[in-house]
PDB file of N, CA and C in Angstrom:
ATOM      1  N   MET A   1     132.854  56.277 138.060  1.00  0.00           N
ATOM      2  CA  MET A   1     131.639  56.320 137.261  1.00  0.00           C
ATOM      3  C   MET A   1     131.007  57.703 137.431  1.00  0.00           C
ATOM      4  N   PRO A   2     130.682  58.415 136.316  1.00  0.00           N
ATOM      5  CA  PRO A   2     130.092  59.752 136.430  1.00  0.00           C
ATOM      6  C   PRO A   2     128.660  59.678 136.940  1.00  0.00           C
ATOM      7  N   THR A   3     128.291  60.690 137.670  1.00  0.00           N
ATOM      8  CA  THR A   3     126.915  60.790 138.146  1.00  0.00           C
ATOM      9  C   THR A   3     126.041  61.308 137.019  1.00  0.00           C
ATOM     10  N   MET A   4     124.730  61.323 137.258  1.00  0.00           N
ATOM     11  CA  MET A   4     123.789  61.807 136.236  1.00  0.00           C
ATOM     12  C   MET A   4     124.077  63.259 135.873  1.00  0.00           C
ATOM     13  N   ALA A   5     124.368  64.092 136.858  1.00  0.00           N
ATOM     14  CA  ALA A   5     124.610  65.510 136.603  1.00  0.00           C
ATOM     15  C   ALA A   5     125.895  65.706 135.823  1.00  0.00           C
ATOM     16  N   GLN A   6     126.924  64.865 136.105  1.00  0.00           N
ATOM     17  CA  GLN A   6     128.187  65.001 135.406  1.00  0.00           C
ATOM     18  C   GLN A   6     128.094  64.532 133.966  1.00  0.00           C
ATOM     19  N   SER A   7     127.270  63.536 133.705  1.00  0.00           N
ATOM     20  CA  SER A   7     127.172  63.001 132.354  1.00  0.00           C
ATOM     21  C   SER A   7     126.319  63.870 131.436  1.00  0.00           C
ATOM     22  N   GLY A   8     125.579  64.810 131.995  1.00  0.00           N
ATOM     23  CA  GLY A   8     124.786  65.709 131.174  1.00  0.00           C
ATOM     24  C   GLY A   8     123.407  65.166 130.854  1.00  0.00           C
ATOM     25  N   SER A   9     123.014  64.058 131.461  1.00  0.00           N
ATOM     26  CA  SER A   9     121.698  63.485 131.192  1.00  0.00           C
ATOM     27  C   SER A   9     120.587  64.345 131.747  1.00  0.00           C
ATOM     28  N   ILE A  10     120.861  64.978 132.850  1.00  0.00           N
ATOM     29  CA  ILE A  10     119.870  65.837 133.485  1.00  0.00           C
ATOM     30  C   ILE A  10     120.303  67.282 133.260  1.00  0.00           C
ATOM     31  N   ALA A  11     119.390  68.118 132.812  1.00  0.00           N
ATOM     32  CA  ALA A  11     119.715  69.514 132.512  1.00  0.00           C
ATOM     33  C   ALA A  11     120.103  70.258 133.782  1.00  0.00           C
ATOM     34  N   ASP A  12     121.108  71.100 133.657  1.00  0.00           N
ATOM     35  CA  ASP A  12     121.554  71.935 134.768  1.00  0.00           C
ATOM     36  C   ASP A  12     120.549  73.065 134.949  1.00  0.00           C
ATOM     37  N   PRO A  13     119.896  73.152 136.115  1.00  0.00           N
ATOM     38  CA  PRO A  13     118.858  74.186 136.301  1.00  0.00           C
ATOM     39  C   PRO A  13     119.399  75.607 136.147  1.00  0.00           C
ATOM     40  N   GLU A  14     120.630  75.852 136.597  1.00  0.00           N
ATOM     41  CA  GLU A  14     121.219  77.192 136.480  1.00  0.00           C
ATOM     42  C   GLU A  14     121.414  77.557 135.010  1.00  0.00           C
ATOM     43  N   ARG A  15     121.918  76.615 134.238  1.00  0.00           N
ATOM     44  CA  ARG A  15     122.148  76.866 132.814  1.00  0.00           C
ATOM     45  C   ARG A  15     120.823  77.061 132.072  1.00  0.00           C
ATOM     46  N   THR A  16     119.816  76.272 132.421  1.00  0.00           N
ATOM     47  CA  THR A  16     118.498  76.398 131.805  1.00  0.00           C
ATOM     48  C   THR A  16     117.892  77.755 132.114  1.00  0.00           C
ATOM     49  N   ARG A  17     118.032  78.204 133.361  1.00  0.00           N
ATOM     50  CA  ARG A  17     117.497  79.508 133.755  1.00  0.00           C
ATOM     51  C   ARG A  17     118.206  80.631 133.020  1.00  0.00           C
ATOM     52  N   ASN A  18     119.546  80.559 132.931  1.00  0.00           N
ATOM     53  CA  ASN A  18     120.306  81.587 132.216  1.00  0.00           C
ATOM     54  C   ASN A  18     119.952  81.606 130.737  1.00  0.00           C
ATOM     55  N   SER A  19     119.747  80.424 130.164  1.00  0.00           N
ATOM     56  CA  SER A  19     119.354  80.347 128.764  1.00  0.00           C
ATOM     57  C   SER A  19     117.978  80.975 128.552  1.00  0.00           C
ATOM     58  N   PHE A  20     117.067  80.706 129.468  1.00  0.00           N
ATOM     59  CA  PHE A  20     115.726  81.282 129.369  1.00  0.00           C
ATOM     60  C   PHE A  20     115.789  82.805 129.484  1.00  0.00           C
ATOM     61  N   ILE A  21     116.606  83.308 130.399  1.00  0.00           N
ATOM     62  CA  ILE A  21     116.744  84.758 130.570  1.00  0.00           C
ATOM     63  C   ILE A  21     117.344  85.381 129.307  1.00  0.00           C
ATOM     64  N   ALA A  22     118.387  84.750 128.761  1.00  0.00           N
ATOM     65  CA  ALA A  22     119.025  85.278 127.550  1.00  0.00           C
ATOM     66  C   ALA A  22     118.045  85.297 126.379  1.00  0.00           C
ATOM     67  N   ARG A  23     117.286  84.225 126.216  1.00  0.00           N
ATOM     68  CA  ARG A  23     116.305  84.176 125.130  1.00  0.00           C
ATOM     69  C   ARG A  23     115.198  85.202 125.337  1.00  0.00           C
ATOM     70  N   SER A  24     114.789  85.390 126.585  1.00  0.00           N
ATOM     71  CA  SER A  24     113.746  86.382 126.879  1.00  0.00           C
ATOM     72  C   SER A  24     114.238  87.794 126.591  1.00  0.00           C
ATOM     73  N   LEU A  25     115.484  88.082 126.968  1.00  0.00           N
ATOM     74  CA  LEU A  25     116.052  89.409 126.675  1.00  0.00           C
ATOM     75  C   LEU A  25     116.183  89.634 125.169  1.00  0.00           C
ATOM     76  N   ALA A  26     116.623  88.604 124.447  1.00  0.00           N
ATOM     77  CA  ALA A  26     116.735  88.727 122.987  1.00  0.00           C
ATOM     78  C   ALA A  26     115.362  88.958 122.364  1.00  0.00           C
ATOM     79  N   LEU A  27     114.351  88.258 122.858  1.00  0.00           N
ATOM     80  CA  LEU A  27     112.986  88.447 122.346  1.00  0.00           C
ATOM     81  C   LEU A  27     112.493  89.863 122.660  1.00  0.00           C
ATOM     82  N   GLY A  28     112.720  90.326 123.878  1.00  0.00           N
ATOM     83  CA  GLY A  28     112.304  91.680 124.255  1.00  0.00           C
ATOM     84  C   GLY A  28     112.993  92.734 123.403  1.00  0.00           C
ATOM     85  N   PHE A  29     114.299  92.547 123.164  1.00  0.00           N
ATOM     86  CA  PHE A  29     115.041  93.473 122.320  1.00  0.00           C
ATOM     87  C   PHE A  29     114.489  93.465 120.901  1.00  0.00           C
ATOM     88  N   GLY A  30     114.157  92.278 120.396  1.00  0.00           N
ATOM     89  CA  GLY A  30     113.590  92.167 119.052  1.00  0.00           C
ATOM     90  C   GLY A  30     112.246  92.861 118.950  1.00  0.00           C
ATOM     91  N   VAL A  31     111.400  92.646 119.939  1.00  0.00           N
ATOM     92  CA  VAL A  31     110.084  93.297 119.938  1.00  0.00           C
ATOM     93  C   VAL A  31     110.247  94.808 119.987  1.00  0.00           C
ATOM     94  N   LEU A  32     111.136  95.294 120.846  1.00  0.00           N
ATOM     95  CA  LEU A  32     111.385  96.732 120.950  1.00  0.00           C
ATOM     96  C   LEU A  32     111.922  97.295 119.629  1.00  0.00           C
ATOM     97  N   SER A  33     112.850  96.594 119.008  1.00  0.00           N
ATOM     98  CA  SER A  33     113.429  97.055 117.740  1.00  0.00           C
ATOM     99  C   SER A  33     112.373  97.166 116.649  1.00  0.00           C
ATOM    100  N   TYR A  34     111.542  96.149 116.536  1.00  0.00           N
ATOM    101  CA  TYR A  34     110.507  96.178 115.504  1.00  0.00           C
ATOM    102  C   TYR A  34     109.411  97.181 115.839  1.00  0.00           C
ATOM    103  N   LEU A  35     109.178  97.433 117.108  1.00  0.00           N
ATOM    104  CA  LEU A  35     108.219  98.469 117.502  1.00  0.00           C
ATOM    105  C   LEU A  35     108.746  99.848 117.106  1.00  0.00           C
ATOM    106  N   VAL A  36     110.035 100.087 117.311  1.00  0.00           N
ATOM    107  CA  VAL A  36     110.636 101.354 116.880  1.00  0.00           C
ATOM    108  C   VAL A  36     110.511 101.498 115.367  1.00  0.00           C
ATOM    109  N   PHE A  37     110.776 100.415 114.626  1.00  0.00           N
ATOM    110  CA  PHE A  37     110.609 100.461 113.171  1.00  0.00           C
ATOM    111  C   PHE A  37     109.168 100.793 112.796  1.00  0.00           C
ATOM    112  N   PHE A  38     108.206 100.157 113.460  1.00  0.00           N
ATOM    113  CA  PHE A  38     106.795 100.369 113.144  1.00  0.00           C
ATOM    114  C   PHE A  38     106.396 101.826 113.382  1.00  0.00           C
ATOM    115  N   VAL A  39     106.821 102.393 114.513  1.00  0.00           N
ATOM    116  CA  VAL A  39     106.508 103.792 114.820  1.00  0.00           C
ATOM    117  C   VAL A  39     107.183 104.716 113.808  1.00  0.00           C
ATOM    118  N   THR A  40     108.426 104.417 113.444  1.00  0.00           N
ATOM    119  CA  THR A  40     109.130 105.217 112.441  1.00  0.00           C
ATOM    120  C   THR A  40     108.414 105.168 111.101  1.00  0.00           C
ATOM    121  N   PHE A  41     107.954 103.985 110.722  1.00  0.00           N
ATOM    122  CA  PHE A  41     107.232 103.818 109.470  1.00  0.00           C
ATOM    123  C   PHE A  41     105.913 104.590 109.483  1.00  0.00           C
ATOM    124  N   LEU A  42     105.189 104.521 110.607  1.00  0.00           N
ATOM    125  CA  LEU A  42     103.943 105.285 110.723  1.00  0.00           C
ATOM    126  C   LEU A  42     104.209 106.787 110.659  1.00  0.00           C
ATOM    127  N   TYR A  43     105.294 107.231 111.308  1.00  0.00           N
ATOM    128  CA  TYR A  43     105.654 108.656 111.252  1.00  0.00           C
ATOM    129  C   TYR A  43     105.965 109.053 109.804  1.00  0.00           C
ATOM    130  N   ALA A  44     106.669 108.197 109.073  1.00  0.00           N
ATOM    131  CA  ALA A  44     106.999 108.508 107.675  1.00  0.00           C
ATOM    132  C   ALA A  44     105.727 108.647 106.841  1.00  0.00           C
ATOM    133  N   ILE A  45     104.751 107.804 107.093  1.00  0.00           N
ATOM    134  CA  ILE A  45     103.472 107.915 106.386  1.00  0.00           C
ATOM    135  C   ILE A  45     102.809 109.250 106.714  1.00  0.00           C
ATOM    136  N   GLY A  46     102.790 109.604 107.989  1.00  0.00           N
ATOM    137  CA  GLY A  46     102.221 110.885 108.399  1.00  0.00           C
ATOM    138  C   GLY A  46     102.992 112.065 107.838  1.00  0.00           C
ATOM    139  N   PHE A  47     104.309 111.949 107.770  1.00  0.00           N
ATOM    140  CA  PHE A  47     105.170 113.008 107.248  1.00  0.00           C
ATOM    141  C   PHE A  47     104.853 113.290 105.784  1.00  0.00           C
ATOM    142  N   VAL A  48     104.712 112.237 104.997  1.00  0.00           N
ATOM    143  CA  VAL A  48     104.460 112.393 103.567  1.00  0.00           C
ATOM    144  C   VAL A  48     103.015 112.797 103.296  1.00  0.00           C
ATOM    145  N   SER A  49     102.076 112.233 104.048  1.00  0.00           N
ATOM    146  CA  SER A  49     100.658 112.515 103.795  1.00  0.00           C
ATOM    147  C   SER A  49     100.137 113.722 104.576  1.00  0.00           C
ATOM    148  N   GLN A  50     100.978 114.309 105.395  1.00  0.00           N
ATOM    149  CA  GLN A  50     100.628 115.491 106.198  1.00  0.00           C
ATOM    150  C   GLN A  50      99.478 115.202 107.159  1.00  0.00           C
ATOM    151  N   LEU A  51      99.528 114.048 107.786  1.00  0.00           N
ATOM    152  CA  LEU A  51      98.512 113.658 108.757  1.00  0.00           C
ATOM    153  C   LEU A  51      99.143 113.459 110.135  1.00  0.00           C
ATOM    154  N   VAL A  52      98.518 114.018 111.151  1.00  0.00           N
ATOM    155  CA  VAL A  52      98.776 113.774 112.569  1.00  0.00           C
ATOM    156  C   VAL A  52     100.131 114.259 113.092  1.00  0.00           C
ATOM    157  N   VAL A  53     101.218 114.117 112.363  1.00  0.00           N
ATOM    158  CA  VAL A  53     102.546 114.453 112.882  1.00  0.00           C
ATOM    159  C   VAL A  53     102.793 115.966 112.835  1.00  0.00           C
ATOM    160  N   PRO A  54     103.609 116.482 113.760  1.00  0.00           N
ATOM    161  CA  PRO A  54     103.825 117.935 113.815  1.00  0.00           C
ATOM    162  C   PRO A  54     104.675 118.480 112.664  1.00  0.00           C
ATOM    163  N   LYS A  55     105.609 117.700 112.154  1.00  0.00           N
ATOM    164  CA  LYS A  55     106.489 118.149 111.075  1.00  0.00           C
ATOM    165  C   LYS A  55     106.156 117.338 109.832  1.00  0.00           C
ATOM    166  N   THR A  56     105.799 118.011 108.738  1.00  0.00           N
ATOM    167  CA  THR A  56     105.436 117.312 107.508  1.00  0.00           C
ATOM    168  C   THR A  56     106.384 117.677 106.383  1.00  0.00           C
ATOM    169  N   ILE A  57     106.200 117.043 105.261  1.00  0.00           N
ATOM    170  CA  ILE A  57     107.073 117.247 104.116  1.00  0.00           C
ATOM    171  C   ILE A  57     107.019 118.691 103.595  1.00  0.00           C
ATOM    172  N   ASP A  58     105.892 119.371 103.782  1.00  0.00           N
ATOM    173  CA  ASP A  58     105.746 120.732 103.287  1.00  0.00           C
ATOM    174  C   ASP A  58     105.912 121.800 104.365  1.00  0.00           C
ATOM    175  N   SER A  59     106.197 121.408 105.600  1.00  0.00           N
ATOM    176  CA  SER A  59     106.372 122.423 106.641  1.00  0.00           C
ATOM    177  C   SER A  59     107.833 122.867 106.688  1.00  0.00           C
ATOM    178  N   GLY A  60     108.049 124.004 107.250  1.00  0.00           N
ATOM    179  CA  GLY A  60     109.403 124.532 107.349  1.00  0.00           C
ATOM    180  C   GLY A  60     109.710 125.491 106.221  1.00  0.00           C
ATOM    181  N   PRO A  61     110.843 126.164 106.350  1.00  0.00           N
ATOM    182  CA  PRO A  61     111.213 127.142 105.323  1.00  0.00           C
ATOM    183  C   PRO A  61     111.622 126.452 104.019  1.00  0.00           C
ATOM    184  N   ALA A  62     111.324 127.113 102.926  1.00  0.00           N
ATOM    185  CA  ALA A  62     111.713 126.588 101.610  1.00  0.00           C
ATOM    186  C   ALA A  62     113.198 126.843 101.392  1.00  0.00           C
ATOM    187  N   SER A  63     113.842 125.925 100.716  1.00  0.00           N
ATOM    188  CA  SER A  63     115.255 126.104 100.382  1.00  0.00           C
ATOM    189  C   SER A  63     115.423 125.931  98.882  1.00  0.00           C
ATOM    190  N   SER A  64     116.607 126.216  98.422  1.00  0.00           N
ATOM    191  CA  SER A  64     116.841 126.101  96.980  1.00  0.00           C
ATOM    192  C   SER A  64     116.829 124.622  96.575  1.00  0.00           C
ATOM    193  N   PRO A  65     116.463 124.356  95.340  1.00  0.00           N
ATOM    194  CA  PRO A  65     116.459 122.959  94.876  1.00  0.00           C
ATOM    195  C   PRO A  65     117.833 122.287  94.979  1.00  0.00           C
ATOM    196  N   VAL A  66     118.895 123.053  94.770  1.00  0.00           N
ATOM    197  CA  VAL A  66     120.246 122.490  94.854  1.00  0.00           C
ATOM    198  C   VAL A  66     120.555 122.077  96.301  1.00  0.00           C
ATOM    199  N   GLN A  67     120.220 122.948  97.246  1.00  0.00           N
ATOM    200  CA  GLN A  67     120.461 122.629  98.660  1.00  0.00           C
ATOM    201  C   GLN A  67     119.624 121.413  99.076  1.00  0.00           C
ATOM    202  N   ALA A  68     118.383 121.348  98.655  1.00  0.00           N
ATOM    203  CA  ALA A  68     117.524 120.211  98.975  1.00  0.00           C
ATOM    204  C   ALA A  68     118.089 118.929  98.371  1.00  0.00           C
ATOM    205  N   LEU A  69     118.576 118.995  97.151  1.00  0.00           N
ATOM    206  CA  LEU A  69     119.160 117.830  96.494  1.00  0.00           C
ATOM    207  C   LEU A  69     120.406 117.351  97.242  1.00  0.00           C
ATOM    208  N   ILE A  70     121.244 118.270  97.661  1.00  0.00           N
ATOM    209  CA  ILE A  70     122.456 117.904  98.404  1.00  0.00           C
ATOM    210  C   ILE A  70     122.101 117.227  99.732  1.00  0.00           C
ATOM    211  N   VAL A  71     121.153 117.792 100.457  1.00  0.00           N
ATOM    212  CA  VAL A  71     120.722 117.194 101.725  1.00  0.00           C
ATOM    213  C   VAL A  71     120.150 115.806 101.488  1.00  0.00           C
ATOM    214  N   ASP A  72     119.310 115.666 100.482  1.00  0.00           N
ATOM    215  CA  ASP A  72     118.722 114.360 100.167  1.00  0.00           C
ATOM    216  C   ASP A  72     119.798 113.339  99.795  1.00  0.00           C
ATOM    217  N   LEU A  73     120.765 113.746  98.987  1.00  0.00           N
ATOM    218  CA  LEU A  73     121.833 112.828  98.580  1.00  0.00           C
ATOM    219  C   LEU A  73     122.701 112.400  99.761  1.00  0.00           C
ATOM    220  N   VAL A  74     123.004 113.334 100.652  1.00  0.00           N
ATOM    221  CA  VAL A  74     123.799 113.004 101.836  1.00  0.00           C
ATOM    222  C   VAL A  74     123.044 112.018 102.731  1.00  0.00           C
ATOM    223  N   LEU A  75     121.772 112.291 102.986  1.00  0.00           N
ATOM    224  CA  LEU A  75     120.982 111.392 103.834  1.00  0.00           C
ATOM    225  C   LEU A  75     120.817 110.014 103.197  1.00  0.00           C
ATOM    226  N   LEU A  76     120.555 109.972 101.906  1.00  0.00           N
ATOM    227  CA  LEU A  76     120.425 108.698 101.215  1.00  0.00           C
ATOM    228  C   LEU A  76     121.747 107.938 101.215  1.00  0.00           C
ATOM    229  N   SER A  77     122.849 108.639 101.042  1.00  0.00           N
ATOM    230  CA  SER A  77     124.169 108.000 101.057  1.00  0.00           C
ATOM    231  C   SER A  77     124.477 107.409 102.431  1.00  0.00           C
ATOM    232  N   LEU A  78     124.168 108.160 103.495  1.00  0.00           N
ATOM    233  CA  LEU A  78     124.398 107.638 104.844  1.00  0.00           C
ATOM    234  C   LEU A  78     123.594 106.355 105.079  1.00  0.00           C
ATOM    235  N   PHE A  79     122.352 106.358 104.661  1.00  0.00           N
ATOM    236  CA  PHE A  79     121.532 105.162 104.811  1.00  0.00           C
ATOM    237  C   PHE A  79     122.101 104.005 103.989  1.00  0.00           C
ATOM    238  N   ALA A  80     122.502 104.270 102.751  1.00  0.00           N
ATOM    239  CA  ALA A  80     123.022 103.216 101.880  1.00  0.00           C
ATOM    240  C   ALA A  80     124.314 102.624 102.431  1.00  0.00           C
ATOM    241  N   ILE A  81     125.184 103.465 102.964  1.00  0.00           N
ATOM    242  CA  ILE A  81     126.441 102.983 103.544  1.00  0.00           C
ATOM    243  C   ILE A  81     126.162 102.099 104.753  1.00  0.00           C
ATOM    244  N   GLN A  82     125.283 102.550 105.619  1.00  0.00           N
ATOM    245  CA  GLN A  82     124.946 101.762 106.803  1.00  0.00           C
ATOM    246  C   GLN A  82     124.266 100.460 106.393  1.00  0.00           C
ATOM    247  N   HIS A  83     123.335 100.534 105.478  1.00  0.00           N
ATOM    248  CA  HIS A  83     122.588  99.360 105.016  1.00  0.00           C
ATOM    249  C   HIS A  83     123.530  98.332 104.397  1.00  0.00           C
ATOM    250  N   SER A  84     124.379  98.773 103.484  1.00  0.00           N
ATOM    251  CA  SER A  84     125.304  97.865 102.807  1.00  0.00           C
ATOM    252  C   SER A  84     126.375  97.339 103.752  1.00  0.00           C
ATOM    253  N   GLY A  85     126.873  98.196 104.615  1.00  0.00           N
ATOM    254  CA  GLY A  85     127.916  97.784 105.556  1.00  0.00           C
ATOM    255  C   GLY A  85     127.447  96.706 106.512  1.00  0.00           C
ATOM    256  N   MET A  86     126.248  96.884 107.043  1.00  0.00           N
ATOM    257  CA  MET A  86     125.737  95.901 108.004  1.00  0.00           C
ATOM    258  C   MET A  86     125.307  94.604 107.322  1.00  0.00           C
ATOM    259  N   ALA A  87     125.108  94.609 106.017  1.00  0.00           N
ATOM    260  CA  ALA A  87     124.704  93.398 105.297  1.00  0.00           C
ATOM    261  C   ALA A  87     125.900  92.522 104.934  1.00  0.00           C
ATOM    262  N   ARG A  88     127.093  93.040 105.048  1.00  0.00           N
ATOM    263  CA  ARG A  88     128.295  92.299 104.659  1.00  0.00           C
ATOM    264  C   ARG A  88     128.663  91.254 105.712  1.00  0.00           C
ATOM    265  N   GLN A  89     129.251  90.152 105.234  1.00  0.00           N
ATOM    266  CA  GLN A  89     129.645  89.060 106.129  1.00  0.00           C
ATOM    267  C   GLN A  89     130.706  89.504 107.131  1.00  0.00           C
ATOM    268  N   GLY A  90     131.609  90.391 106.724  1.00  0.00           N
ATOM    269  CA  GLY A  90     132.634  90.880 107.648  1.00  0.00           C
ATOM    270  C   GLY A  90     132.021  91.579 108.850  1.00  0.00           C
ATOM    271  N   PHE A  91     131.030  92.402 108.598  1.00  0.00           N
ATOM    272  CA  PHE A  91     130.357  93.082 109.709  1.00  0.00           C
ATOM    273  C   PHE A  91     129.632  92.072 110.585  1.00  0.00           C
ATOM    274  N   LYS A  92     128.984  91.095 109.961  1.00  0.00           N
ATOM    275  CA  LYS A  92     128.259  90.088 110.733  1.00  0.00           C
ATOM    276  C   LYS A  92     129.204  89.287 111.625  1.00  0.00           C
ATOM    277  N   ARG A  93     130.400  88.948 111.116  1.00  0.00           N
ATOM    278  CA  ARG A  93     131.391  88.240 111.944  1.00  0.00           C
ATOM    279  C   ARG A  93     131.862  89.122 113.089  1.00  0.00           C
ATOM    280  N   LEU A  94     132.119  90.393 112.799  1.00  0.00           N
ATOM    281  CA  LEU A  94     132.546  91.327 113.836  1.00  0.00           C
ATOM    282  C   LEU A  94     131.467  91.474 114.900  1.00  0.00           C
ATOM    283  N   PHE A  95     130.233  91.622 114.480  1.00  0.00           N
ATOM    284  CA  PHE A  95     129.121  91.755 115.416  1.00  0.00           C
ATOM    285  C   PHE A  95     128.983  90.501 116.275  1.00  0.00           C
ATOM    286  N   ALA A  96     129.144  89.320 115.650  1.00  0.00           N
ATOM    287  CA  ALA A  96     129.014  88.049 116.379  1.00  0.00           C
ATOM    288  C   ALA A  96     130.137  87.865 117.397  1.00  0.00           C
ATOM    289  N   SER A  97     131.239  88.589 117.232  1.00  0.00           N
ATOM    290  CA  SER A  97     132.347  88.448 118.184  1.00  0.00           C
ATOM    291  C   SER A  97     132.048  89.097 119.533  1.00  0.00           C
ATOM    292  N   PHE A  98     131.092  90.017 119.592  1.00  0.00           N
ATOM    293  CA  PHE A  98     130.775  90.637 120.882  1.00  0.00           C
ATOM    294  C   PHE A  98     129.294  90.609 121.242  1.00  0.00           C
ATOM    295  N   ALA A  99     128.450  90.116 120.359  1.00  0.00           N
ATOM    296  CA  ALA A  99     127.019  90.030 120.666  1.00  0.00           C
ATOM    297  C   ALA A  99     126.453  88.753 120.071  1.00  0.00           C
ATOM    298  N   SER A 100     125.330  88.362 120.581  1.00  0.00           N
ATOM    299  CA  SER A 100     124.672  87.139 120.130  1.00  0.00           C
ATOM    300  C   SER A 100     124.145  87.300 118.706  1.00  0.00           C
ATOM    301  N   ARG A 101     124.269  86.225 117.931  1.00  0.00           N
ATOM    302  CA  ARG A 101     123.717  86.239 116.575  1.00  0.00           C
ATOM    303  C   ARG A 101     122.199  86.356 116.604  1.00  0.00           C
ATOM    304  N   ALA A 102     121.605  86.002 117.735  1.00  0.00           N
ATOM    305  CA  ALA A 102     120.146  86.058 117.861  1.00  0.00           C
ATOM    306  C   ALA A 102     119.617  87.486 117.781  1.00  0.00           C
ATOM    307  N   ILE A 103     120.448  88.467 118.116  1.00  0.00           N
ATOM    308  CA  ILE A 103     119.985  89.859 118.081  1.00  0.00           C
ATOM    309  C   ILE A 103     120.543  90.635 116.894  1.00  0.00           C
ATOM    310  N   GLU A 104     121.217  89.936 115.994  1.00  0.00           N
ATOM    311  CA  GLU A 104     121.834  90.616 114.849  1.00  0.00           C
ATOM    312  C   GLU A 104     120.804  91.347 113.989  1.00  0.00           C
ATOM    313  N   ARG A 105     119.753  90.673 113.593  1.00  0.00           N
ATOM    314  CA  ARG A 105     118.740  91.288 112.721  1.00  0.00           C
ATOM    315  C   ARG A 105     117.992  92.402 113.444  1.00  0.00           C
ATOM    316  N   SER A 106     117.685  92.181 114.714  1.00  0.00           N
ATOM    317  CA  SER A 106     116.973  93.211 115.486  1.00  0.00           C
ATOM    318  C   SER A 106     117.832  94.466 115.608  1.00  0.00           C
ATOM    319  N   THR A 107     119.127  94.292 115.778  1.00  0.00           N
ATOM    320  CA  THR A 107     120.041  95.450 115.861  1.00  0.00           C
ATOM    321  C   THR A 107     120.056  96.197 114.532  1.00  0.00           C
ATOM    322  N   TYR A 108     120.113  95.450 113.434  1.00  0.00           N
ATOM    323  CA  TYR A 108     120.071  96.064 112.112  1.00  0.00           C
ATOM    324  C   TYR A 108     118.791  96.882 111.924  1.00  0.00           C
ATOM    325  N   VAL A 109     117.666  96.293 112.279  1.00  0.00           N
ATOM    326  CA  VAL A 109     116.366  96.971 112.140  1.00  0.00           C
ATOM    327  C   VAL A 109     116.340  98.233 113.001  1.00  0.00           C
ATOM    328  N   LEU A 110     116.832  98.138 114.225  1.00  0.00           N
ATOM    329  CA  LEU A 110     116.843  99.289 115.126  1.00  0.00           C
ATOM    330  C   LEU A 110     117.718 100.413 114.572  1.00  0.00           C
ATOM    331  N   LEU A 111     118.920 100.089 114.103  1.00  0.00           N
ATOM    332  CA  LEU A 111     119.800 101.128 113.584  1.00  0.00           C
ATOM    333  C   LEU A 111     119.321 101.703 112.264  1.00  0.00           C
ATOM    334  N   ALA A 112     118.649 100.914 111.458  1.00  0.00           N
ATOM    335  CA  ALA A 112     118.121 101.411 110.187  1.00  0.00           C
ATOM    336  C   ALA A 112     116.869 102.269 110.394  1.00  0.00           C
ATOM    337  N   SER A 113     116.267 102.175 111.561  1.00  0.00           N
ATOM    338  CA  SER A 113     115.028 102.914 111.825  1.00  0.00           C
ATOM    339  C   SER A 113     115.255 104.318 112.373  1.00  0.00           C
ATOM    340  N   ARG A 114     116.461 104.680 112.607  1.00  0.00           N
ATOM    341  CA  ARG A 114     116.690 105.998 113.205  1.00  0.00           C
ATOM    342  C   ARG A 114     116.693 107.079 112.164  1.00  0.00           C
TER     343      ARG A 114
END
C-alpha cells in the first residue's frame, strides 16, 4: 500500500520550493525585461523630442540623404527580421526546447528593446 507521500496526496516540499524559486526567477526576469523596454521607450521619446538625453535626433554630423536612408533601411530590416523570426512557431518550439515557455515573451521584449 503506498504511503501518502508516494501517492502524491501531500505536496513534496522540495518540489514546491523549487517551483516557487523558478516562478520567482521568471517573474524577476519579466520585470527586468519590461523595465529595459520602458527605459528604451523613454530614451526614444527623449531622442526624438530632444529632451534630457545626451544624443538626440539632430545631434551629430550631417550625412547625405542616401547614406541616412541606407542606414535606416538596414536598421529597420534587422528589427523586422528579428521581430518576424521570433514570432514564428518554429522559433518558439526551438526556444521551448532549452528554456521555459514562461520567459518566452519576456525574452522577446528584452531582445526587441536593444
